[in-house]
Amino acid sequence: MNGLDLVIIGIIMVFIGFIVVLLSIISAAGKSRVEGGGVIIIGPVPIVFGSNRNVTSLLLILAIILTLLTIIMFIVPMITYRGVP
């Protein structure tokens, strides 16, 4: 996997994020009750907040998955290219 592949994956992830936000706004337009929350990841530490326990639990699981994915993405290249100068 070279740098161009990572750039393409990043751009695709940004577009998927925009689509998810757009779909959530459209689906929440008819509802009178809105729940929300967020995840802020500073380094390896996720900070999770939400409007109720269900949203916070879901975002906590998402934060753990994102943190593990980030750690894996840092470790795999180091293991793969260990002997290459």
N, C-alpha and C. Protein backbone atom coordinates (compact mmCIF):
# COMPACT_ATOMS: atom_id res chain seq x y z
N MET A 1 0.85 -1.17 0.00
CA MET A 1 0.00 0.00 0.00
C MET A 1 0.90 1.23 0.00
N ASN A 2 0.76 2.05 -1.03
CA ASN A 2 1.61 3.24 -1.11
C ASN A 2 0.84 4.48 -0.67
N GLY A 3 1.48 5.61 -0.75
CA GLY A 3 0.87 6.85 -0.29
C GLY A 3 -0.36 7.25 -1.07
N LEU A 4 -0.38 6.98 -2.37
CA LEU A 4 -1.53 7.33 -3.20
C LEU A 4 -2.76 6.53 -2.79
N ASP A 5 -2.57 5.26 -2.45
CA ASP A 5 -3.69 4.45 -1.97
C ASP A 5 -4.28 5.02 -0.69
N LEU A 6 -3.42 5.46 0.22
CA LEU A 6 -3.91 6.04 1.47
C LEU A 6 -4.66 7.34 1.24
N VAL A 7 -4.20 8.14 0.29
CA VAL A 7 -4.90 9.39 -0.04
C VAL A 7 -6.28 9.08 -0.59
N ILE A 8 -6.36 8.11 -1.49
CA ILE A 8 -7.65 7.73 -2.08
C ILE A 8 -8.59 7.19 -1.00
N ILE A 9 -8.08 6.35 -0.10
CA ILE A 9 -8.89 5.83 1.00
C ILE A 9 -9.38 6.97 1.89
N GLY A 10 -8.52 7.94 2.17
CA GLY A 10 -8.92 9.08 2.99
C GLY A 10 -10.01 9.91 2.34
N ILE A 11 -9.89 10.15 1.05
CA ILE A 11 -10.90 10.93 0.33
C ILE A 11 -12.23 10.18 0.32
N ILE A 12 -12.18 8.87 0.09
CA ILE A 12 -13.41 8.07 0.11
C ILE A 12 -14.06 8.11 1.48
N MET A 13 -13.25 8.04 2.55
CA MET A 13 -13.81 8.09 3.91
C MET A 13 -14.46 9.44 4.20
N VAL A 14 -13.88 10.52 3.70
CA VAL A 14 -14.48 11.85 3.89
C VAL A 14 -15.83 11.91 3.19
N PHE A 15 -15.91 11.41 1.95
CA PHE A 15 -17.18 11.42 1.24
C PHE A 15 -18.22 10.55 1.93
N ILE A 16 -17.81 9.40 2.44
CA ILE A 16 -18.74 8.55 3.18
C ILE A 16 -19.24 9.28 4.42
N GLY A 17 -18.38 10.01 5.10
CA GLY A 17 -18.79 10.80 6.26
C GLY A 17 -19.82 11.86 5.90
N PHE A 18 -19.60 12.56 4.78
CA PHE A 18 -20.57 13.55 4.33
C PHE A 18 -21.92 12.91 4.03
N ILE A 19 -21.89 11.74 3.39
CA ILE A 19 -23.14 11.06 3.06
C ILE A 19 -23.87 10.62 4.32
N VAL A 20 -23.15 10.11 5.31
CA VAL A 20 -23.77 9.68 6.56
C VAL A 20 -24.40 10.87 7.27
N VAL A 21 -23.70 11.99 7.32
CA VAL A 21 -24.26 13.19 7.97
C VAL A 21 -25.50 13.67 7.21
N LEU A 22 -25.44 13.69 5.89
CA LEU A 22 -26.57 14.12 5.10
C LEU A 22 -27.78 13.21 5.31
N LEU A 23 -27.56 11.90 5.31
CA LEU A 23 -28.66 10.97 5.53
C LEU A 23 -29.24 11.10 6.94
N SER A 24 -28.40 11.34 7.93
CA SER A 24 -28.92 11.50 9.28
C SER A 24 -29.73 12.79 9.43
N ILE A 25 -29.32 13.84 8.74
CA ILE A 25 -30.09 15.09 8.78
C ILE A 25 -31.44 14.89 8.10
N ILE A 26 -31.44 14.20 6.97
CA ILE A 26 -32.70 13.96 6.25
C ILE A 26 -33.62 13.08 7.07
N SER A 27 -33.09 12.03 7.70
CA SER A 27 -33.94 11.13 8.49
C SER A 27 -34.44 11.79 9.78
N ALA A 28 -33.70 12.74 10.32
CA ALA A 28 -34.11 13.41 11.56
C ALA A 28 -35.02 14.60 11.31
N ALA A 29 -35.23 14.96 10.05
CA ALA A 29 -36.01 16.16 9.75
C ALA A 29 -37.47 16.03 10.20
N GLY A 30 -38.06 14.84 10.11
CA GLY A 30 -39.46 14.67 10.48
C GLY A 30 -39.67 14.35 11.94
N LYS A 31 -38.63 14.05 12.67
CA LYS A 31 -38.78 13.68 14.08
C LYS A 31 -38.75 14.92 14.96
N SER A 32 -39.52 14.86 16.03
CA SER A 32 -39.53 16.00 16.95
C SER A 32 -38.46 15.87 18.04
N ARG A 33 -37.99 14.65 18.27
CA ARG A 33 -36.99 14.42 19.31
C ARG A 33 -35.66 14.09 18.65
N VAL A 34 -34.64 14.83 18.99
CA VAL A 34 -33.33 14.64 18.40
C VAL A 34 -32.34 14.28 19.50
N GLU A 35 -31.58 13.24 19.26
CA GLU A 35 -30.54 12.84 20.19
C GLU A 35 -29.21 12.93 19.46
N GLY A 36 -28.17 13.23 20.19
CA GLY A 36 -26.88 13.37 19.53
C GLY A 36 -25.74 13.15 20.49
N GLY A 37 -24.57 13.19 19.93
CA GLY A 37 -23.37 13.00 20.71
C GLY A 37 -22.16 13.17 19.82
N GLY A 38 -21.01 12.95 20.38
CA GLY A 38 -19.80 13.11 19.60
C GLY A 38 -18.63 12.39 20.22
N VAL A 39 -17.62 12.21 19.40
CA VAL A 39 -16.38 11.58 19.83
C VAL A 39 -15.23 12.48 19.40
N ILE A 40 -14.38 12.81 20.34
CA ILE A 40 -13.16 13.56 20.04
C ILE A 40 -12.00 12.65 20.41
N ILE A 41 -11.15 12.39 19.43
CA ILE A 41 -10.00 11.52 19.69
C ILE A 41 -8.75 12.37 19.68
N ILE A 42 -8.13 12.48 20.85
CA ILE A 42 -6.88 13.24 20.99
C ILE A 42 -5.78 12.22 21.25
N GLY A 43 -4.97 12.00 20.22
CA GLY A 43 -3.96 10.95 20.32
C GLY A 43 -4.65 9.62 20.43
N PRO A 44 -4.29 8.79 21.38
CA PRO A 44 -4.98 7.50 21.54
C PRO A 44 -6.15 7.55 22.52
N VAL A 45 -6.48 8.74 23.03
CA VAL A 45 -7.50 8.86 24.07
C VAL A 45 -8.80 9.39 23.48
N PRO A 46 -9.88 8.57 23.49
CA PRO A 46 -11.16 9.08 23.01
C PRO A 46 -11.95 9.78 24.12
N ILE A 47 -12.58 10.90 23.77
CA ILE A 47 -13.47 11.61 24.67
C ILE A 47 -14.86 11.50 24.07
N VAL A 48 -15.81 10.90 24.82
CA VAL A 48 -17.14 10.62 24.31
C VAL A 48 -18.16 11.42 25.10
N PHE A 49 -19.12 12.02 24.39
CA PHE A 49 -20.22 12.70 25.05
C PHE A 49 -21.50 12.46 24.25
N GLY A 50 -22.63 12.47 24.93
CA GLY A 50 -23.90 12.24 24.26
C GLY A 50 -25.07 12.74 25.08
N SER A 51 -26.24 12.76 24.44
CA SER A 51 -27.43 13.31 25.10
C SER A 51 -28.11 12.29 26.02
N ASN A 52 -27.88 11.00 25.81
CA ASN A 52 -28.42 9.99 26.72
C ASN A 52 -27.49 8.78 26.77
N ARG A 53 -27.85 7.81 27.57
CA ARG A 53 -26.98 6.65 27.79
C ARG A 53 -26.82 5.80 26.53
N ASN A 54 -27.89 5.62 25.74
CA ASN A 54 -27.81 4.78 24.53
C ASN A 54 -26.86 5.38 23.51
N VAL A 55 -26.98 6.67 23.28
CA VAL A 55 -26.10 7.34 22.31
C VAL A 55 -24.66 7.29 22.79
N THR A 56 -24.44 7.53 24.05
CA THR A 56 -23.09 7.52 24.60
C THR A 56 -22.46 6.13 24.52
N SER A 57 -23.26 5.09 24.79
CA SER A 57 -22.75 3.71 24.70
C SER A 57 -22.36 3.37 23.26
N LEU A 58 -23.20 3.74 22.31
CA LEU A 58 -22.90 3.48 20.91
C LEU A 58 -21.64 4.22 20.47
N LEU A 59 -21.52 5.47 20.88
CA LEU A 59 -20.34 6.24 20.50
C LEU A 59 -19.08 5.74 21.21
N LEU A 60 -19.22 5.21 22.40
CA LEU A 60 -18.07 4.63 23.10
C LEU A 60 -17.55 3.41 22.35
N ILE A 61 -18.46 2.56 21.87
CA ILE A 61 -18.06 1.40 21.07
C ILE A 61 -17.37 1.87 19.79
N LEU A 62 -17.94 2.90 19.14
CA LEU A 62 -17.34 3.44 17.93
C LEU A 62 -15.95 4.00 18.22
N ALA A 63 -15.79 4.69 19.33
CA ALA A 63 -14.49 5.26 19.69
C ALA A 63 -13.46 4.17 19.94
N ILE A 64 -13.85 3.08 20.58
CA ILE A 64 -12.93 1.97 20.82
C ILE A 64 -12.51 1.34 19.49
N ILE A 65 -13.47 1.16 18.58
CA ILE A 65 -13.14 0.58 17.27
C ILE A 65 -12.19 1.51 16.51
N LEU A 66 -12.47 2.81 16.51
CA LEU A 66 -11.61 3.75 15.80
C LEU A 66 -10.21 3.81 16.41
N THR A 67 -10.12 3.75 17.73
CA THR A 67 -8.82 3.76 18.39
C THR A 67 -8.02 2.52 18.05
N LEU A 68 -8.67 1.35 18.09
CA LEU A 68 -7.98 0.11 17.72
C LEU A 68 -7.56 0.12 16.26
N LEU A 69 -8.41 0.64 15.37
CA LEU A 69 -8.07 0.74 13.96
C LEU A 69 -6.87 1.66 13.75
N THR A 70 -6.83 2.75 14.48
CA THR A 70 -5.69 3.67 14.37
C THR A 70 -4.41 3.02 14.85
N ILE A 71 -4.47 2.32 15.96
CA ILE A 71 -3.28 1.63 16.48
C ILE A 71 -2.81 0.57 15.49
N ILE A 72 -3.75 -0.19 14.93
CA ILE A 72 -3.38 -1.22 13.95
C ILE A 72 -2.73 -0.58 12.73
N MET A 73 -3.25 0.55 12.27
CA MET A 73 -2.69 1.20 11.08
C MET A 73 -1.29 1.75 11.34
N PHE A 74 -0.95 2.02 12.58
CA PHE A 74 0.41 2.45 12.90
C PHE A 74 1.34 1.27 13.08
N ILE A 75 0.84 0.16 13.63
CA ILE A 75 1.69 -0.98 13.94
C ILE A 75 1.99 -1.83 12.71
N VAL A 76 1.00 -2.06 11.85
CA VAL A 76 1.18 -2.95 10.69
C VAL A 76 2.31 -2.48 9.78
N PRO A 77 2.40 -1.19 9.40
CA PRO A 77 3.55 -0.80 8.56
C PRO A 77 4.90 -1.00 9.24
N MET A 78 4.97 -0.82 10.55
CA MET A 78 6.24 -1.02 11.25
C MET A 78 6.64 -2.49 11.21
N ILE A 79 5.68 -3.39 11.34
CA ILE A 79 5.98 -4.83 11.28
C ILE A 79 6.31 -5.24 9.85
N THR A 80 5.58 -4.71 8.89
CA THR A 80 5.77 -5.09 7.50
C THR A 80 7.13 -4.64 6.96
N TYR A 81 7.54 -3.45 7.29
CA TYR A 81 8.79 -2.88 6.76
C TYR A 81 9.92 -2.90 7.77
N ARG A 82 9.93 -3.87 8.66
CA ARG A 82 10.94 -3.92 9.73
C ARG A 82 12.35 -4.01 9.19
N GLY A 83 12.59 -4.85 8.20
CA GLY A 83 13.95 -5.05 7.71
C GLY A 83 14.35 -4.11 6.59
N VAL A 84 13.44 -3.29 6.11
CA VAL A 84 13.74 -2.40 4.98
C VAL A 84 14.33 -1.11 5.51
N PRO A 85 15.50 -0.68 4.97
CA PRO A 85 16.11 0.58 5.48
C PRO A 85 15.36 1.79 4.99
